[in-house]
C-alpha atoms as a PDB file:
ATOM      1  CA  MET A   1     -42.094  11.218 -68.188  1.00  0.00           C
ATOM      2  CA  LYS A   2     -45.477  12.084 -66.442  1.00  0.00           C
ATOM      3  CA  LYS A   3     -47.189  15.233 -66.751  1.00  0.00           C
ATOM      4  CA  ASN A   4     -47.517  17.613 -64.049  1.00  0.00           C
ATOM      5  CA  GLU A   5     -51.449  16.691 -63.890  1.00  0.00           C
ATOM      6  CA  ASP A   6     -50.799  12.997 -63.089  1.00  0.00           C
ATOM      7  CA  PHE A   7     -49.097  14.099 -59.545  1.00  0.00           C
ATOM      8  CA  TYR A   8     -51.499  15.364 -57.004  1.00  0.00           C
ATOM      9  CA  GLU A   9     -50.605  15.618 -53.120  1.00  0.00           C
ATOM     10  CA  GLU A  10     -53.612  15.910 -50.743  1.00  0.00           C
ATOM     11  CA  PRO A  11     -53.371  18.879 -48.389  1.00  0.00           C
ATOM     12  CA  TRP A  12     -51.936  17.898 -44.988  1.00  0.00           C
ATOM     13  CA  THR A  13     -51.871  19.601 -41.567  1.00  0.00           C
ATOM     14  CA  GLY A  14     -48.755  18.793 -39.612  1.00  0.00           C
ATOM     15  CA  SER A  15     -46.395  20.631 -37.358  1.00  0.00           C
ATOM     16  CA  CYS A  16     -45.416  24.420 -38.543  1.00  0.00           C
ATOM     17  CA  ALA A  17     -42.379  24.596 -40.169  1.00  0.00           C
ATOM     18  CA  ASP A  18     -41.525  27.880 -38.883  1.00  0.00           C
ATOM     19  CA  CYS A  19     -42.024  27.465 -35.533  1.00  0.00           C
ATOM     20  CA  ASP A  20     -41.151  23.452 -35.088  1.00  0.00           C
ATOM     21  CA  GLY A  21     -44.572  23.474 -33.559  1.00  0.00           C
ATOM     22  CA  THR A  22     -44.100  25.663 -30.614  1.00  0.00           C
ATOM     23  CA  GLY A  23     -46.373  28.369 -31.572  1.00  0.00           C
ATOM     24  CA  ARG A  24     -43.518  31.118 -31.398  1.00  0.00           C
ATOM     25  CA  VAL A  25     -40.699  32.459 -32.992  1.00  0.00           C
ATOM     26  CA  GLU A  26     -37.938  34.768 -31.963  1.00  0.00           C
ATOM     27  CA  CYS A  27     -38.527  38.250 -31.998  1.00  0.00           C
ATOM     28  CA  ASP A  28     -37.085  39.681 -35.070  1.00  0.00           C
ATOM     29  CA  VAL A  29     -36.168  43.297 -33.740  1.00  0.00           C
ATOM     30  CA  CYS A  30     -34.191  42.314 -30.652  1.00  0.00           C
ATOM     31  CA  GLU A  31     -33.231  38.899 -32.065  1.00  0.00           C
ATOM     32  CA  GLY A  32     -34.447  37.298 -28.795  1.00  0.00           C
ATOM     33  CA  GLU A  33     -32.700  39.135 -26.413  1.00  0.00           C
ATOM     34  CA  GLY A  34     -35.662  40.933 -25.245  1.00  0.00           C
ATOM     35  CA  GLU A  35     -33.551  44.380 -25.315  1.00  0.00           C
ATOM     36  CA  TYR A  36     -33.085  46.680 -27.950  1.00  0.00           C
ATOM     37  CA  ASN A  37     -30.850  49.684 -27.784  1.00  0.00           C
ATOM     38  CA  SER A  38     -30.652  48.659 -23.900  1.00  0.00           C
ATOM     39  CA  LYS A  39     -34.068  49.516 -23.639  1.00  0.00           C
ATOM     40  CA  VAL A  40     -37.074  46.926 -23.298  1.00  0.00           C
ATOM     41  CA  CYS A  41     -37.998  45.534 -27.086  1.00  0.00           C
ATOM     42  CA  MET A  42     -41.210  47.249 -28.037  1.00  0.00           C
ATOM     43  CA  ALA A  43     -42.290  44.746 -30.549  1.00  0.00           C
ATOM     44  CA  CYS A  44     -42.082  41.836 -28.341  1.00  0.00           C
ATOM     45  CA  ASN A  45     -42.637  43.396 -24.998  1.00  0.00           C
ATOM     46  CA  GLY A  46     -39.239  42.469 -23.700  1.00  0.00           C
ATOM     47  CA  ASP A  47     -40.272  38.753 -24.240  1.00  0.00           C
ATOM     48  CA  GLY A  48     -37.725  37.897 -26.660  1.00  0.00           C
ATOM     49  CA  GLY A  49     -40.350  35.751 -28.643  1.00  0.00           C
ATOM     50  CA  MET A  50     -43.460  36.424 -30.782  1.00  0.00           C
ATOM     51  CA  GLU A  51     -46.737  34.687 -31.990  1.00  0.00           C
ATOM     52  CA  CYS A  52     -45.534  32.685 -34.992  1.00  0.00           C
ATOM     53  CA  PRO A  53     -47.091  34.587 -38.043  1.00  0.00           C
ATOM     54  CA  ASP A  54     -47.525  31.289 -40.178  1.00  0.00           C
ATOM     55  CA  CYS A  55     -49.487  29.420 -37.829  1.00  0.00           C
ATOM     56  CA  GLY A  56     -51.071  31.978 -35.681  1.00  0.00           C
ATOM     57  CA  GLY A  57     -49.487  30.434 -32.484  1.00  0.00           C
ATOM     58  CA  SER A  58     -51.406  27.046 -32.773  1.00  0.00           C
ATOM     59  CA  GLY A  59     -48.124  25.165 -33.905  1.00  0.00           C
ATOM     60  CA  GLU A  60     -49.813  23.599 -36.644  1.00  0.00           C
ATOM     61  CA  ALA A  61     -50.214  24.460 -40.414  1.00  0.00           C
ATOM     62  CA  THR A  62     -51.757  22.872 -43.365  1.00  0.00           C
ATOM     63  CA  TYR A  63     -49.539  22.275 -46.469  1.00  0.00           C
ATOM     64  CA  HIS A  64     -50.050  21.359 -49.982  1.00  0.00           C
ATOM     65  CA  MET A  65     -47.326  20.326 -52.481  1.00  0.00           C
ATOM     66  CA  GLY A  66     -44.937  21.492 -49.988  1.00  0.00           C
ATOM     67  CA  GLN A  67     -46.000  24.935 -49.462  1.00  0.00           C
ATOM     68  CA  LYS A  68     -48.114  26.422 -46.502  1.00  0.00           C
ATOM     69  CA  ILE A  69     -51.765  27.125 -47.398  1.00  0.00           C
END
């Protein structure tokens, strides 16, 4: 059996796993509806989506050993 030091994966950049490369995610407050309690959602300004927090809206993220860095 190999030791953990024997396995090394280079960091790589690819499509963000959280937003599937779109750069946007569904609003957590209104669940993508744009309204919350029959009023315009203040978290997303009624858009229903927000900038992806993992990639900052770029649609790409850098990963190492399966984890976003």
